[in-house]
């Protein structure tokens, strides 16, 4: 019994009757437990890094600060990024922003076009910047959601940077100004949500749209906001004789014309055909068939062009002072 007890306590007895070295399994168990804890912490760190996009160093610091509570860590990371973004935004303010993207969003009888600027084309190709453009477009559409119903006339509205910064991206969304500060903090360039145009039409009208210069690799399935360097929205009225099935293609061609020919006004079908310097849309040579004017192209199809908006990224232009312009649906204007 004594020998067995010694074996259990001190290990097996040697030939001389002296006990062997003490054997303990506790350090081995602790070692394996430590490995499991390390793996769990690493997994939590990787998840937080992937979800937030912040650096591993900052994510590790956040998890340590809140004892592994990922929700508190994420909230703290956003708060710190917000502070850093606002700080960077104030330092970078005034630096020229000539690059960027146009974002175009169309939903039913309404459409939005926004321009968001940055300093370099390199940042314009960044996914985080593109996300900001999409947020600006969806925020503008959300802001006007109650204004597109029961229309008897088309509506066109413009918004400037100060107004846009106070919009939210959705019912429980963040302010665009906060999203802008976050993007500046992450990408390190000055950025501006410069302008937006929103329009809506009644049932007998439709909006043609086109974006030019879409970025390689831009996946439309990831978002319904089209991105590019130029954009156009064209308001049209379709007569009963027009082929409704062709309106989408026709609207795209009209948008292409507006982007390519840069008209300054719609004009009238009675205007004399002009050359390459013509600024009235209906009198311009049709971009896709210069042998005829745009007016000669749309008239046989039972379509009247009423208005348009053209954005070119980085252009110097005065945004209309009036927030809203409306055009009547008078029959005499349908032929213009």
C-alpha atoms as a PDB file:
ATOM      1  CA  UNK A   1       0.000   0.000   0.000  1.00  0.00           C
ATOM      2  CA  UNK A   2       2.839   2.335   0.834  1.00  0.00           C
ATOM      3  CA  UNK A   3       4.542   1.587  -2.492  1.00  0.00           C
ATOM      4  CA  UNK A   4       1.306   2.232  -4.417  1.00  0.00           C
ATOM      5  CA  UNK A   5       0.801   5.499  -2.596  1.00  0.00           C
ATOM      6  CA  UNK A   6       4.305   6.600  -3.431  1.00  0.00           C
ATOM      7  CA  UNK A   7       3.708   5.672  -7.050  1.00  0.00           C
ATOM      8  CA  UNK A   8       0.573   7.770  -7.163  1.00  0.00           C
ATOM      9  CA  UNK A   9       2.245  10.726  -5.522  1.00  0.00           C
ATOM     10  CA  UNK A  10       5.815  10.660  -6.707  1.00  0.00           C
ATOM     11  CA  UNK A  11       5.792   8.411  -9.708  1.00  0.00           C
ATOM     12  CA  UNK A  12       7.212   4.880  -9.953  1.00  0.00           C
ATOM     13  CA  UNK A  13       9.966   3.844  -7.479  1.00  0.00           C
ATOM     14  CA  UNK A  14      13.417   3.299  -8.855  1.00  0.00           C
ATOM     15  CA  UNK A  15      15.435   0.196  -8.187  1.00  0.00           C
ATOM     16  CA  UNK A  16      16.987   1.699  -5.026  1.00  0.00           C
ATOM     17  CA  UNK A  17      13.587   2.413  -3.575  1.00  0.00           C
ATOM     18  CA  UNK A  18      13.839   6.151  -4.206  1.00  0.00           C
ATOM     19  CA  UNK A  19      10.804   7.827  -5.821  1.00  0.00           C
ATOM     20  CA  UNK A  20      11.089   9.130  -9.395  1.00  0.00           C
ATOM     21  CA  UNK A  21      10.387  12.678 -10.543  1.00  0.00           C
ATOM     22  CA  UNK A  22       6.981  14.098  -9.838  1.00  0.00           C
ATOM     23  CA  UNK A  23       4.626  13.830 -12.812  1.00  0.00           C
ATOM     24  CA  UNK A  24       1.920  16.489 -13.142  1.00  0.00           C
ATOM     25  CA  UNK A  25      -0.677  16.734 -15.930  1.00  0.00           C
ATOM     26  CA  UNK A  26      -1.878  20.176 -14.854  1.00  0.00           C
ATOM     27  CA  UNK A  27       0.565  22.198 -17.076  1.00  0.00           C
ATOM     28  CA  UNK A  28      -0.406  20.083 -20.097  1.00  0.00           C
ATOM     29  CA  UNK A  29      -4.100  20.705 -19.506  1.00  0.00           C
ATOM     30  CA  UNK A  30      -3.511  24.402 -19.044  1.00  0.00           C
ATOM     31  CA  UNK A  31      -1.482  24.483 -22.258  1.00  0.00           C
ATOM     32  CA  UNK A  32      -4.316  22.935 -24.282  1.00  0.00           C
ATOM     33  CA  UNK A  33      -6.868  25.220 -22.654  1.00  0.00           C
ATOM     34  CA  UNK A  34      -4.690  28.172 -23.590  1.00  0.00           C
ATOM     35  CA  UNK A  35      -4.550  27.002 -27.204  1.00  0.00           C
ATOM     36  CA  UNK A  36      -8.345  26.771 -27.346  1.00  0.00           C
ATOM     37  CA  UNK A  37      -8.716  30.271 -25.862  1.00  0.00           C
ATOM     38  CA  UNK A  38      -6.153  31.634 -28.311  1.00  0.00           C
ATOM     39  CA  UNK A  39      -8.006  30.072 -31.254  1.00  0.00           C
ATOM     40  CA  UNK A  40     -11.310  31.491 -30.052  1.00  0.00           C
ATOM     41  CA  UNK A  41      -9.800  34.964 -29.599  1.00  0.00           C
ATOM     42  CA  UNK A  42      -8.215  34.801 -33.041  1.00  0.00           C
ATOM     43  CA  UNK A  43     -11.513  33.788 -34.644  1.00  0.00           C
ATOM     44  CA  UNK A  44     -13.280  36.662 -32.891  1.00  0.00           C
ATOM     45  CA  UNK A  45     -10.576  39.057 -34.073  1.00  0.00           C
ATOM     46  CA  UNK A  46     -10.806  37.872 -37.676  1.00  0.00           C
ATOM     47  CA  UNK A  47     -14.615  38.212 -37.662  1.00  0.00           C
ATOM     48  CA  UNK A  48     -14.453  41.731 -36.242  1.00  0.00           C
ATOM     49  CA  UNK A  49     -11.774  42.719 -38.758  1.00  0.00           C
ATOM     50  CA  UNK A  50     -13.808  41.343 -41.671  1.00  0.00           C
ATOM     51  CA  UNK A  51     -17.058  42.954 -40.502  1.00  0.00           C
ATOM     52  CA  UNK A  52     -15.708  46.440 -39.775  1.00  0.00           C
ATOM     53  CA  UNK A  53     -12.748  46.758 -42.129  1.00  0.00           C
ATOM     54  CA  UNK A  54     -10.572  48.283 -39.407  1.00  0.00           C
ATOM     55  CA  UNK A  55      -6.975  47.180 -38.833  1.00  0.00           C
ATOM     56  CA  UNK A  56      -6.091  44.080 -36.798  1.00  0.00           C
ATOM     57  CA  UNK A  57      -4.286  46.279 -34.280  1.00  0.00           C
ATOM     58  CA  UNK A  58      -7.365  48.410 -33.613  1.00  0.00           C
ATOM     59  CA  UNK A  59      -9.698  45.399 -33.548  1.00  0.00           C
ATOM     60  CA  UNK A  60      -7.424  43.624 -31.052  1.00  0.00           C
ATOM     61  CA  UNK A  61      -7.295  46.748 -28.906  1.00  0.00           C
ATOM     62  CA  UNK A  62     -11.098  47.024 -28.958  1.00  0.00           C
ATOM     63  CA  UNK A  63     -11.614  43.377 -27.976  1.00  0.00           C
ATOM     64  CA  UNK A  64      -9.126  43.675 -25.135  1.00  0.00           C
ATOM     65  CA  UNK A  65     -10.785  46.858 -23.932  1.00  0.00           C
ATOM     66  CA  UNK A  66     -14.195  45.171 -23.688  1.00  0.00           C
ATOM     67  CA  UNK A  67     -13.033  41.683 -22.628  1.00  0.00           C
ATOM     68  CA  UNK A  68     -13.993  40.027 -25.902  1.00  0.00           C
ATOM     69  CA  UNK A  69     -17.451  41.605 -26.251  1.00  0.00           C
ATOM     70  CA  UNK A  70     -17.609  42.030 -30.026  1.00  0.00           C
ATOM     71  CA  UNK A  71     -20.688  44.300 -30.021  1.00  0.00           C
ATOM     72  CA  UNK A  72     -19.147  46.822 -27.644  1.00  0.00           C
ATOM     73  CA  UNK A  73     -15.840  46.553 -29.489  1.00  0.00           C
ATOM     74  CA  UNK A  74     -17.517  47.280 -32.832  1.00  0.00           C
ATOM     75  CA  UNK A  75     -19.400  50.290 -31.447  1.00  0.00           C
ATOM     76  CA  UNK A  76     -16.190  51.669 -29.945  1.00  0.00           C
ATOM     77  CA  UNK A  77     -14.305  51.202 -33.240  1.00  0.00           C
ATOM     78  CA  UNK A  78     -16.974  53.140 -35.149  1.00  0.00           C
ATOM     79  CA  UNK A  79     -16.902  55.908 -32.560  1.00  0.00           C
ATOM     80  CA  UNK A  80     -13.120  56.218 -32.769  1.00  0.00           C
ATOM     81  CA  UNK A  81     -13.200  56.141 -36.576  1.00  0.00           C
ATOM     82  CA  UNK A  82     -15.841  58.859 -36.552  1.00  0.00           C
ATOM     83  CA  UNK A  83     -13.669  61.093 -34.388  1.00  0.00           C
ATOM     84  CA  UNK A  84     -10.634  60.432 -36.560  1.00  0.00           C
ATOM     85  CA  UNK A  85     -12.657  61.039 -39.724  1.00  0.00           C
ATOM     86  CA  UNK A  86     -13.952  64.418 -38.554  1.00  0.00           C
ATOM     87  CA  UNK A  87     -10.441  65.382 -37.504  1.00  0.00           C
ATOM     88  CA  UNK A  88      -9.020  64.448 -40.907  1.00  0.00           C
ATOM     89  CA  UNK A  89     -11.926  66.127 -42.695  1.00  0.00           C
ATOM     90  CA  UNK A  90     -11.160  69.446 -41.002  1.00  0.00           C
ATOM     91  CA  UNK A  91      -7.469  69.152 -41.878  1.00  0.00           C
ATOM     92  CA  UNK A  92      -8.081  68.221 -45.517  1.00  0.00           C
ATOM     93  CA  UNK A  93     -10.822  70.772 -46.108  1.00  0.00           C
ATOM     94  CA  UNK A  94      -9.955  73.087 -48.981  1.00  0.00           C
ATOM     95  CA  UNK A  95      -7.956  70.569 -50.976  1.00  0.00           C
ATOM     96  CA  UNK A  96      -9.230  70.300 -54.576  1.00  0.00           C
ATOM     97  CA  UNK A  97     -11.624  67.467 -55.369  1.00  0.00           C
ATOM     98  CA  UNK A  98     -11.869  67.114 -59.148  1.00  0.00           C
ATOM     99  CA  UNK A  99     -12.146  63.323 -59.344  1.00  0.00           C
ATOM    100  CA  UNK A 100     -14.973  61.105 -58.159  1.00  0.00           C
ATOM    101  CA  UNK A 101     -18.080  59.416 -59.486  1.00  0.00           C
ATOM    102  CA  UNK A 102     -21.628  60.000 -60.658  1.00  0.00           C
ATOM    103  CA  UNK A 103     -24.215  57.678 -59.101  1.00  0.00           C
ATOM    104  CA  UNK A 104     -27.593  57.045 -60.738  1.00  0.00           C
ATOM    105  CA  UNK A 105     -30.514  55.300 -59.061  1.00  0.00           C
ATOM    106  CA  UNK A 106     -33.891  54.672 -60.679  1.00  0.00           C
ATOM    107  CA  UNK A 107     -36.911  53.296 -58.829  1.00  0.00           C
ATOM    108  CA  UNK A 108     -40.248  53.145 -60.613  1.00  0.00           C
ATOM    109  CA  UNK A 109     -41.380  56.639 -61.582  1.00  0.00           C
ATOM    110  CA  UNK A 110     -38.502  58.392 -59.780  1.00  0.00           C
ATOM    111  CA  UNK A 111     -34.778  58.752 -60.391  1.00  0.00           C
ATOM    112  CA  UNK A 112     -31.787  60.239 -58.587  1.00  0.00           C
ATOM    113  CA  UNK A 113     -28.393  61.360 -59.806  1.00  0.00           C
ATOM    114  CA  UNK A 114     -25.600  62.383 -57.411  1.00  0.00           C
ATOM    115  CA  UNK A 115     -22.019  63.568 -57.733  1.00  0.00           C
ATOM    116  CA  UNK A 116     -19.451  62.720 -55.065  1.00  0.00           C
ATOM    117  CA  UNK A 117     -15.912  64.040 -55.457  1.00  0.00           C
ATOM    118  CA  UNK A 118     -12.479  63.049 -54.164  1.00  0.00           C
ATOM    119  CA  UNK A 119      -8.894  64.076 -54.923  1.00  0.00           C
ATOM    120  CA  UNK A 120      -7.646  61.172 -57.052  1.00  0.00           C
ATOM    121  CA  UNK A 121      -9.015  58.598 -59.462  1.00  0.00           C
ATOM    122  CA  UNK A 122      -7.275  55.942 -57.349  1.00  0.00           C
ATOM    123  CA  UNK A 123      -9.654  56.628 -54.443  1.00  0.00           C
ATOM    124  CA  UNK A 124     -12.635  56.857 -56.821  1.00  0.00           C
ATOM    125  CA  UNK A 125     -11.974  53.207 -57.670  1.00  0.00           C
ATOM    126  CA  UNK A 126     -11.974  52.186 -54.018  1.00  0.00           C
ATOM    127  CA  UNK A 127     -14.943  50.117 -52.834  1.00  0.00           C
ATOM    128  CA  UNK A 128     -15.393  52.275 -49.721  1.00  0.00           C
ATOM    129  CA  UNK A 129     -15.689  55.427 -51.825  1.00  0.00           C
ATOM    130  CA  UNK A 130     -18.153  53.747 -54.167  1.00  0.00           C
ATOM    131  CA  UNK A 131     -20.206  52.735 -51.164  1.00  0.00           C
ATOM    132  CA  UNK A 132     -20.370  56.404 -50.138  1.00  0.00           C
ATOM    133  CA  UNK A 133     -21.715  57.318 -53.595  1.00  0.00           C
ATOM    134  CA  UNK A 134     -24.387  54.643 -53.288  1.00  0.00           C
ATOM    135  CA  UNK A 135     -25.336  55.888 -49.818  1.00  0.00           C
ATOM    136  CA  UNK A 136     -25.708  59.427 -51.186  1.00  0.00           C
ATOM    137  CA  UNK A 137     -28.011  58.184 -53.951  1.00  0.00           C
ATOM    138  CA  UNK A 138     -30.179  56.032 -51.684  1.00  0.00           C
ATOM    139  CA  UNK A 139     -30.320  58.800 -49.074  1.00  0.00           C
ATOM    140  CA  UNK A 140     -31.566  61.296 -51.653  1.00  0.00           C
ATOM    141  CA  UNK A 141     -34.184  58.848 -52.916  1.00  0.00           C
ATOM    142  CA  UNK A 142     -35.340  58.083 -49.365  1.00  0.00           C
ATOM    143  CA  UNK A 143     -35.635  61.800 -48.576  1.00  0.00           C
ATOM    144  CA  UNK A 144     -38.087  62.292 -51.469  1.00  0.00           C
ATOM    145  CA  UNK A 145     -40.062  59.069 -51.097  1.00  0.00           C
ATOM    146  CA  UNK A 146     -43.297  60.854 -50.154  1.00  0.00           C
ATOM    147  CA  UNK A 147     -43.161  63.322 -53.045  1.00  0.00           C
ATOM    148  CA  UNK A 148     -43.517  60.938 -55.979  1.00  0.00           C
ATOM    149  CA  UNK A 149     -47.114  59.830 -55.479  1.00  0.00           C
ATOM    150  CA  UNK A 150     -50.292  61.222 -57.093  1.00  0.00           C
ATOM    151  CA  UNK A 151     -48.435  63.470 -59.506  1.00  0.00           C
ATOM    152  CA  UNK A 152     -50.146  65.484 -62.213  1.00  0.00           C
ATOM    153  CA  UNK A 153     -46.907  67.059 -63.364  1.00  0.00           C
ATOM    154  CA  UNK A 154     -43.291  66.036 -63.374  1.00  0.00           C
ATOM    155  CA  UNK A 155     -41.049  67.309 -60.601  1.00  0.00           C
ATOM    156  CA  UNK A 156     -37.349  68.101 -60.692  1.00  0.00           C
ATOM    157  CA  UNK A 157     -35.361  69.082 -57.612  1.00  0.00           C
ATOM    158  CA  UNK A 158     -31.733  69.926 -56.966  1.00  0.00           C
ATOM    159  CA  UNK A 159     -29.825  69.640 -53.710  1.00  0.00           C
ATOM    160  CA  UNK A 160     -26.461  71.093 -52.681  1.00  0.00           C
ATOM    161  CA  UNK A 161     -23.748  69.798 -50.356  1.00  0.00           C
ATOM    162  CA  UNK A 162     -25.125  71.433 -47.188  1.00  0.00           C
ATOM    163  CA  UNK A 163     -28.585  69.876 -47.670  1.00  0.00           C
ATOM    164  CA  UNK A 164     -27.214  66.489 -48.662  1.00  0.00           C
ATOM    165  CA  UNK A 165     -25.036  66.243 -45.561  1.00  0.00           C
ATOM    166  CA  UNK A 166     -28.153  66.248 -43.375  1.00  0.00           C
ATOM    167  CA  UNK A 167     -29.872  63.379 -45.190  1.00  0.00           C
ATOM    168  CA  UNK A 168     -30.044  59.871 -43.795  1.00  0.00           C
ATOM    169  CA  UNK A 169     -29.403  56.698 -45.749  1.00  0.00           C
ATOM    170  CA  UNK A 170     -32.674  55.103 -44.629  1.00  0.00           C
ATOM    171  CA  UNK A 171     -35.296  54.921 -41.851  1.00  0.00           C
ATOM    172  CA  UNK A 172     -32.641  54.063 -39.242  1.00  0.00           C
ATOM    173  CA  UNK A 173     -29.638  55.104 -41.278  1.00  0.00           C
ATOM    174  CA  UNK A 174     -26.745  57.384 -40.398  1.00  0.00           C
ATOM    175  CA  UNK A 175     -26.332  60.971 -41.528  1.00  0.00           C
ATOM    176  CA  UNK A 176     -24.507  61.322 -44.828  1.00  0.00           C
ATOM    177  CA  UNK A 177     -22.153  63.769 -43.120  1.00  0.00           C
ATOM    178  CA  UNK A 178     -21.091  60.997 -40.712  1.00  0.00           C
ATOM    179  CA  UNK A 179     -20.614  58.529 -43.572  1.00  0.00           C
ATOM    180  CA  UNK A 180     -18.536  61.144 -45.390  1.00  0.00           C
ATOM    181  CA  UNK A 181     -16.306  61.640 -42.330  1.00  0.00           C
ATOM    182  CA  UNK A 182     -15.831  57.873 -41.992  1.00  0.00           C
ATOM    183  CA  UNK A 183     -14.786  57.586 -45.649  1.00  0.00           C
ATOM    184  CA  UNK A 184     -12.338  60.480 -45.294  1.00  0.00           C
ATOM    185  CA  UNK A 185     -10.857  58.887 -42.173  1.00  0.00           C
ATOM    186  CA  UNK A 186     -10.373  55.526 -43.897  1.00  0.00           C
ATOM    187  CA  UNK A 187      -9.143  56.740 -47.289  1.00  0.00           C
ATOM    188  CA  UNK A 188      -7.224  59.867 -46.249  1.00  0.00           C
ATOM    189  CA  UNK A 189      -8.458  62.217 -48.990  1.00  0.00           C
ATOM    190  CA  UNK A 190     -10.722  65.224 -49.007  1.00  0.00           C
ATOM    191  CA  UNK A 191     -14.198  64.330 -50.287  1.00  0.00           C
ATOM    192  CA  UNK A 192     -17.382  66.229 -51.041  1.00  0.00           C
ATOM    193  CA  UNK A 193     -20.950  65.086 -51.660  1.00  0.00           C
ATOM    194  CA  UNK A 194     -21.362  67.900 -54.168  1.00  0.00           C
ATOM    195  CA  UNK A 195     -24.850  67.807 -55.632  1.00  0.00           C
ATOM    196  CA  UNK A 196     -27.919  65.741 -56.412  1.00  0.00           C
ATOM    197  CA  UNK A 197     -30.851  65.875 -58.793  1.00  0.00           C
ATOM    198  CA  UNK A 198     -34.122  64.074 -58.112  1.00  0.00           C
ATOM    199  CA  UNK A 199     -37.073  63.780 -60.447  1.00  0.00           C
ATOM    200  CA  UNK A 200     -40.410  61.987 -60.545  1.00  0.00           C
ATOM    201  CA  UNK A 201     -43.059  61.671 -63.255  1.00  0.00           C
ATOM    202  CA  UNK A 202     -46.764  60.765 -63.484  1.00  0.00           C
ATOM    203  CA  UNK A 203     -47.987  57.577 -65.120  1.00  0.00           C
ATOM    204  CA  UNK A 204     -48.029  58.808 -68.728  1.00  0.00           C
ATOM    205  CA  UNK A 205     -44.416  59.917 -68.549  1.00  0.00           C
ATOM    206  CA  UNK A 206     -41.128  58.101 -68.157  1.00  0.00           C
ATOM    207  CA  UNK A 207     -37.501  58.827 -67.329  1.00  0.00           C
ATOM    208  CA  UNK A 208     -34.676  57.777 -69.613  1.00  0.00           C
ATOM    209  CA  UNK A 209     -31.278  57.301 -67.999  1.00  0.00           C
ATOM    210  CA  UNK A 210     -27.680  56.603 -68.931  1.00  0.00           C
ATOM    211  CA  UNK A 211     -24.303  56.434 -67.154  1.00  0.00           C
ATOM    212  CA  UNK A 212     -21.056  56.598 -69.124  1.00  0.00           C
ATOM    213  CA  UNK A 213     -17.553  55.595 -68.051  1.00  0.00           C
ATOM    214  CA  UNK A 214     -18.566  52.807 -65.698  1.00  0.00           C
ATOM    215  CA  UNK A 215     -15.626  51.433 -63.750  1.00  0.00           C
ATOM    216  CA  UNK A 216     -14.127  48.052 -64.715  1.00  0.00           C
ATOM    217  CA  UNK A 217     -15.222  45.416 -62.264  1.00  0.00           C
ATOM    218  CA  UNK A 218     -18.294  47.349 -61.087  1.00  0.00           C
ATOM    219  CA  UNK A 219     -20.859  44.642 -60.378  1.00  0.00           C
ATOM    220  CA  UNK A 220     -24.452  45.863 -60.951  1.00  0.00           C
ATOM    221  CA  UNK A 221     -25.773  42.860 -59.020  1.00  0.00           C
ATOM    222  CA  UNK A 222     -24.233  44.273 -55.835  1.00  0.00           C
ATOM    223  CA  UNK A 223     -26.297  47.450 -56.042  1.00  0.00           C
ATOM    224  CA  UNK A 224     -28.975  49.089 -58.154  1.00  0.00           C
ATOM    225  CA  UNK A 225     -26.934  52.309 -58.244  1.00  0.00           C
ATOM    226  CA  UNK A 226     -25.032  52.690 -61.531  1.00  0.00           C
ATOM    227  CA  UNK A 227     -21.634  54.406 -61.267  1.00  0.00           C
ATOM    228  CA  UNK A 228     -19.642  56.323 -63.872  1.00  0.00           C
ATOM    229  CA  UNK A 229     -18.024  59.613 -64.861  1.00  0.00           C
ATOM    230  CA  UNK A 230     -21.035  61.047 -66.753  1.00  0.00           C
ATOM    231  CA  UNK A 231     -24.759  60.675 -66.201  1.00  0.00           C
ATOM    232  CA  UNK A 232     -28.018  61.870 -67.721  1.00  0.00           C
ATOM    233  CA  UNK A 233     -31.728  61.764 -66.882  1.00  0.00           C
ATOM    234  CA  UNK A 234     -34.264  62.611 -69.583  1.00  0.00           C
ATOM    235  CA  UNK A 235     -37.966  63.243 -68.936  1.00  0.00           C
ATOM    236  CA  UNK A 236     -40.227  62.177 -71.786  1.00  0.00           C
ATOM    237  CA  UNK A 237     -43.916  61.965 -72.575  1.00  0.00           C
ATOM    238  CA  UNK A 238     -45.136  58.971 -74.551  1.00  0.00           C
ATOM    239  CA  UNK A 239     -48.240  59.275 -76.729  1.00  0.00           C
ATOM    240  CA  UNK A 240     -50.767  56.476 -77.065  1.00  0.00           C
ATOM    241  CA  UNK A 241     -49.233  55.572 -80.426  1.00  0.00           C
ATOM    242  CA  UNK A 242     -45.741  55.030 -78.996  1.00  0.00           C
ATOM    243  CA  UNK A 243     -44.493  51.490 -78.416  1.00  0.00           C
ATOM    244  CA  UNK A 244     -44.236  51.108 -74.669  1.00  0.00           C
ATOM    245  CA  UNK A 245     -41.929  48.106 -74.969  1.00  0.00           C
ATOM    246  CA  UNK A 246     -39.229  50.234 -76.623  1.00  0.00           C
ATOM    247  CA  UNK A 247     -39.282  53.105 -74.132  1.00  0.00           C
ATOM    248  CA  UNK A 248     -36.413  51.790 -72.005  1.00  0.00           C
ATOM    249  CA  UNK A 249     -34.091  51.496 -75.027  1.00  0.00           C
ATOM    250  CA  UNK A 250     -35.246  54.839 -76.370  1.00  0.00           C
ATOM    251  CA  UNK A 251     -34.643  56.475 -72.983  1.00  0.00           C
ATOM    252  CA  UNK A 252     -31.121  55.057 -72.903  1.00  0.00           C
ATOM    253  CA  UNK A 253     -30.357  56.444 -76.378  1.00  0.00           C
ATOM    254  CA  UNK A 254     -31.639  59.863 -75.353  1.00  0.00           C
ATOM    255  CA  UNK A 255     -29.428  59.712 -72.265  1.00  0.00           C
ATOM    256  CA  UNK A 256     -26.448  58.803 -74.435  1.00  0.00           C
ATOM    257  CA  UNK A 257     -27.183  61.811 -76.620  1.00  0.00           C
ATOM    258  CA  UNK A 258     -27.345  64.175 -73.655  1.00  0.00           C
ATOM    259  CA  UNK A 259     -24.037  62.867 -72.289  1.00  0.00           C
ATOM    260  CA  UNK A 260     -22.280  63.011 -75.665  1.00  0.00           C
ATOM    261  CA  UNK A 261     -23.699  66.238 -77.109  1.00  0.00           C
ATOM    262  CA  UNK A 262     -24.094  68.228 -73.848  1.00  0.00           C
ATOM    263  CA  UNK A 263     -27.161  70.311 -74.816  1.00  0.00           C
ATOM    264  CA  UNK A 264     -28.072  73.360 -72.727  1.00  0.00           C
ATOM    265  CA  UNK A 265     -31.825  73.363 -73.401  1.00  0.00           C
ATOM    266  CA  UNK A 266     -34.507  71.154 -74.966  1.00  0.00           C
ATOM    267  CA  UNK A 267     -35.541  73.556 -77.719  1.00  0.00           C
ATOM    268  CA  UNK A 268     -38.438  72.960 -80.100  1.00  0.00           C
ATOM    269  CA  UNK A 269     -39.251  70.790 -83.095  1.00  0.00           C
ATOM    270  CA  UNK A 270     -39.593  74.017 -85.060  1.00  0.00           C
ATOM    271  CA  UNK A 271     -35.943  74.943 -84.479  1.00  0.00           C
ATOM    272  CA  UNK A 272     -33.723  74.893 -87.548  1.00  0.00           C
ATOM    273  CA  UNK A 273     -31.279  71.947 -87.588  1.00  0.00           C
ATOM    274  CA  UNK A 274     -27.924  72.962 -86.183  1.00  0.00           C
ATOM    275  CA  UNK A 275     -24.390  71.675 -86.418  1.00  0.00           C
ATOM    276  CA  UNK A 276     -21.952  70.424 -83.824  1.00  0.00           C
ATOM    277  CA  UNK A 277     -22.078  73.750 -81.976  1.00  0.00           C
ATOM    278  CA  UNK A 278     -25.868  73.652 -81.566  1.00  0.00           C
ATOM    279  CA  UNK A 279     -26.950  73.740 -77.906  1.00  0.00           C
ATOM    280  CA  UNK A 280     -30.698  73.048 -78.312  1.00  0.00           C
ATOM    281  CA  UNK A 281     -31.226  69.344 -77.856  1.00  0.00           C
ATOM    282  CA  UNK A 282     -33.945  68.751 -80.460  1.00  0.00           C
ATOM    283  CA  UNK A 283     -32.013  70.689 -83.130  1.00  0.00           C
ATOM    284  CA  UNK A 284     -28.725  68.857 -82.532  1.00  0.00           C
ATOM    285  CA  UNK A 285     -27.502  66.095 -84.863  1.00  0.00           C
ATOM    286  CA  UNK A 286     -28.568  62.821 -83.259  1.00  0.00           C
ATOM    287  CA  UNK A 287     -25.494  61.277 -81.626  1.00  0.00           C
ATOM    288  CA  UNK A 288     -26.186  57.786 -82.971  1.00  0.00           C
ATOM    289  CA  UNK A 289     -27.230  58.970 -86.459  1.00  0.00           C
ATOM    290  CA  UNK A 290     -25.864  62.444 -87.322  1.00  0.00           C
ATOM    291  CA  UNK A 291     -27.777  62.488 -90.614  1.00  0.00           C
ATOM    292  CA  UNK A 292     -30.935  63.461 -88.696  1.00  0.00           C
ATOM    293  CA  UNK A 293     -31.658  65.712 -85.742  1.00  0.00           C
ATOM    294  CA  UNK A 294     -32.741  64.365 -82.388  1.00  0.00           C
ATOM    295  CA  UNK A 295     -36.179  65.890 -82.986  1.00  0.00           C
ATOM    296  CA  UNK A 296     -36.472  63.991 -86.254  1.00  0.00           C
ATOM    297  CA  UNK A 297     -35.528  60.817 -84.413  1.00  0.00           C
ATOM    298  CA  UNK A 298     -38.110  61.035 -81.600  1.00  0.00           C
ATOM    299  CA  UNK A 299     -41.087  62.559 -83.468  1.00  0.00           C
ATOM    300  CA  UNK A 300     -42.051  59.447 -85.512  1.00  0.00           C
ATOM    301  CA  UNK A 301     -41.911  57.366 -82.339  1.00  0.00           C
ATOM    302  CA  UNK A 302     -44.621  59.371 -80.595  1.00  0.00           C
ATOM    303  CA  UNK A 303     -42.278  60.642 -77.893  1.00  0.00           C
ATOM    304  CA  UNK A 304     -41.814  64.207 -76.660  1.00  0.00           C
ATOM    305  CA  UNK A 305     -38.705  65.282 -74.760  1.00  0.00           C
ATOM    306  CA  UNK A 306     -39.630  67.657 -71.931  1.00  0.00           C
ATOM    307  CA  UNK A 307     -36.542  68.096 -69.781  1.00  0.00           C
ATOM    308  CA  UNK A 308     -33.163  66.624 -68.879  1.00  0.00           C
ATOM    309  CA  UNK A 309     -30.315  66.785 -66.373  1.00  0.00           C
ATOM    310  CA  UNK A 310     -26.671  66.119 -67.238  1.00  0.00           C
ATOM    311  CA  UNK A 311     -23.871  65.585 -64.708  1.00  0.00           C
ATOM    312  CA  UNK A 312     -20.188  65.465 -65.564  1.00  0.00           C
ATOM    313  CA  UNK A 313     -17.858  64.539 -62.737  1.00  0.00           C
ATOM    314  CA  UNK A 314     -15.586  67.412 -61.723  1.00  0.00           C
ATOM    315  CA  UNK A 315     -17.192  70.038 -63.951  1.00  0.00           C
ATOM    316  CA  UNK A 316     -17.417  73.640 -62.799  1.00  0.00           C
ATOM    317  CA  UNK A 317     -21.076  74.516 -62.877  1.00  0.00           C
ATOM    318  CA  UNK A 318     -23.584  76.475 -60.888  1.00  0.00           C
ATOM    319  CA  UNK A 319     -26.206  74.311 -59.230  1.00  0.00           C
ATOM    320  CA  UNK A 320     -29.655  75.865 -59.795  1.00  0.00           C
ATOM    321  CA  UNK A 321     -30.654  78.053 -56.872  1.00  0.00           C
ATOM    322  CA  UNK A 322     -34.268  76.930 -57.047  1.00  0.00           C
ATOM    323  CA  UNK A 323     -34.784  73.721 -55.142  1.00  0.00           C
ATOM    324  CA  UNK A 324     -37.663  72.666 -57.322  1.00  0.00           C
ATOM    325  CA  UNK A 325     -38.838  73.368 -60.863  1.00  0.00           C
ATOM    326  CA  UNK A 326     -42.073  72.083 -62.296  1.00  0.00           C
ATOM    327  CA  UNK A 327     -43.375  71.940 -65.855  1.00  0.00           C
ATOM    328  CA  UNK A 328     -47.005  71.748 -66.820  1.00  0.00           C
ATOM    329  CA  UNK A 329     -48.364  68.901 -68.856  1.00  0.00           C
ATOM    330  CA  UNK A 330     -50.126  71.262 -71.253  1.00  0.00           C
ATOM    331  CA  UNK A 331     -50.864  69.684 -74.594  1.00  0.00           C
ATOM    332  CA  UNK A 332     -49.065  72.398 -76.500  1.00  0.00           C
ATOM    333  CA  UNK A 333     -45.826  71.653 -74.639  1.00  0.00           C
ATOM    334  CA  UNK A 334     -46.008  67.954 -75.504  1.00  0.00           C
ATOM    335  CA  UNK A 335     -45.015  68.743 -79.068  1.00  0.00           C
ATOM    336  CA  UNK A 336     -41.938  70.764 -78.046  1.00  0.00           C
END
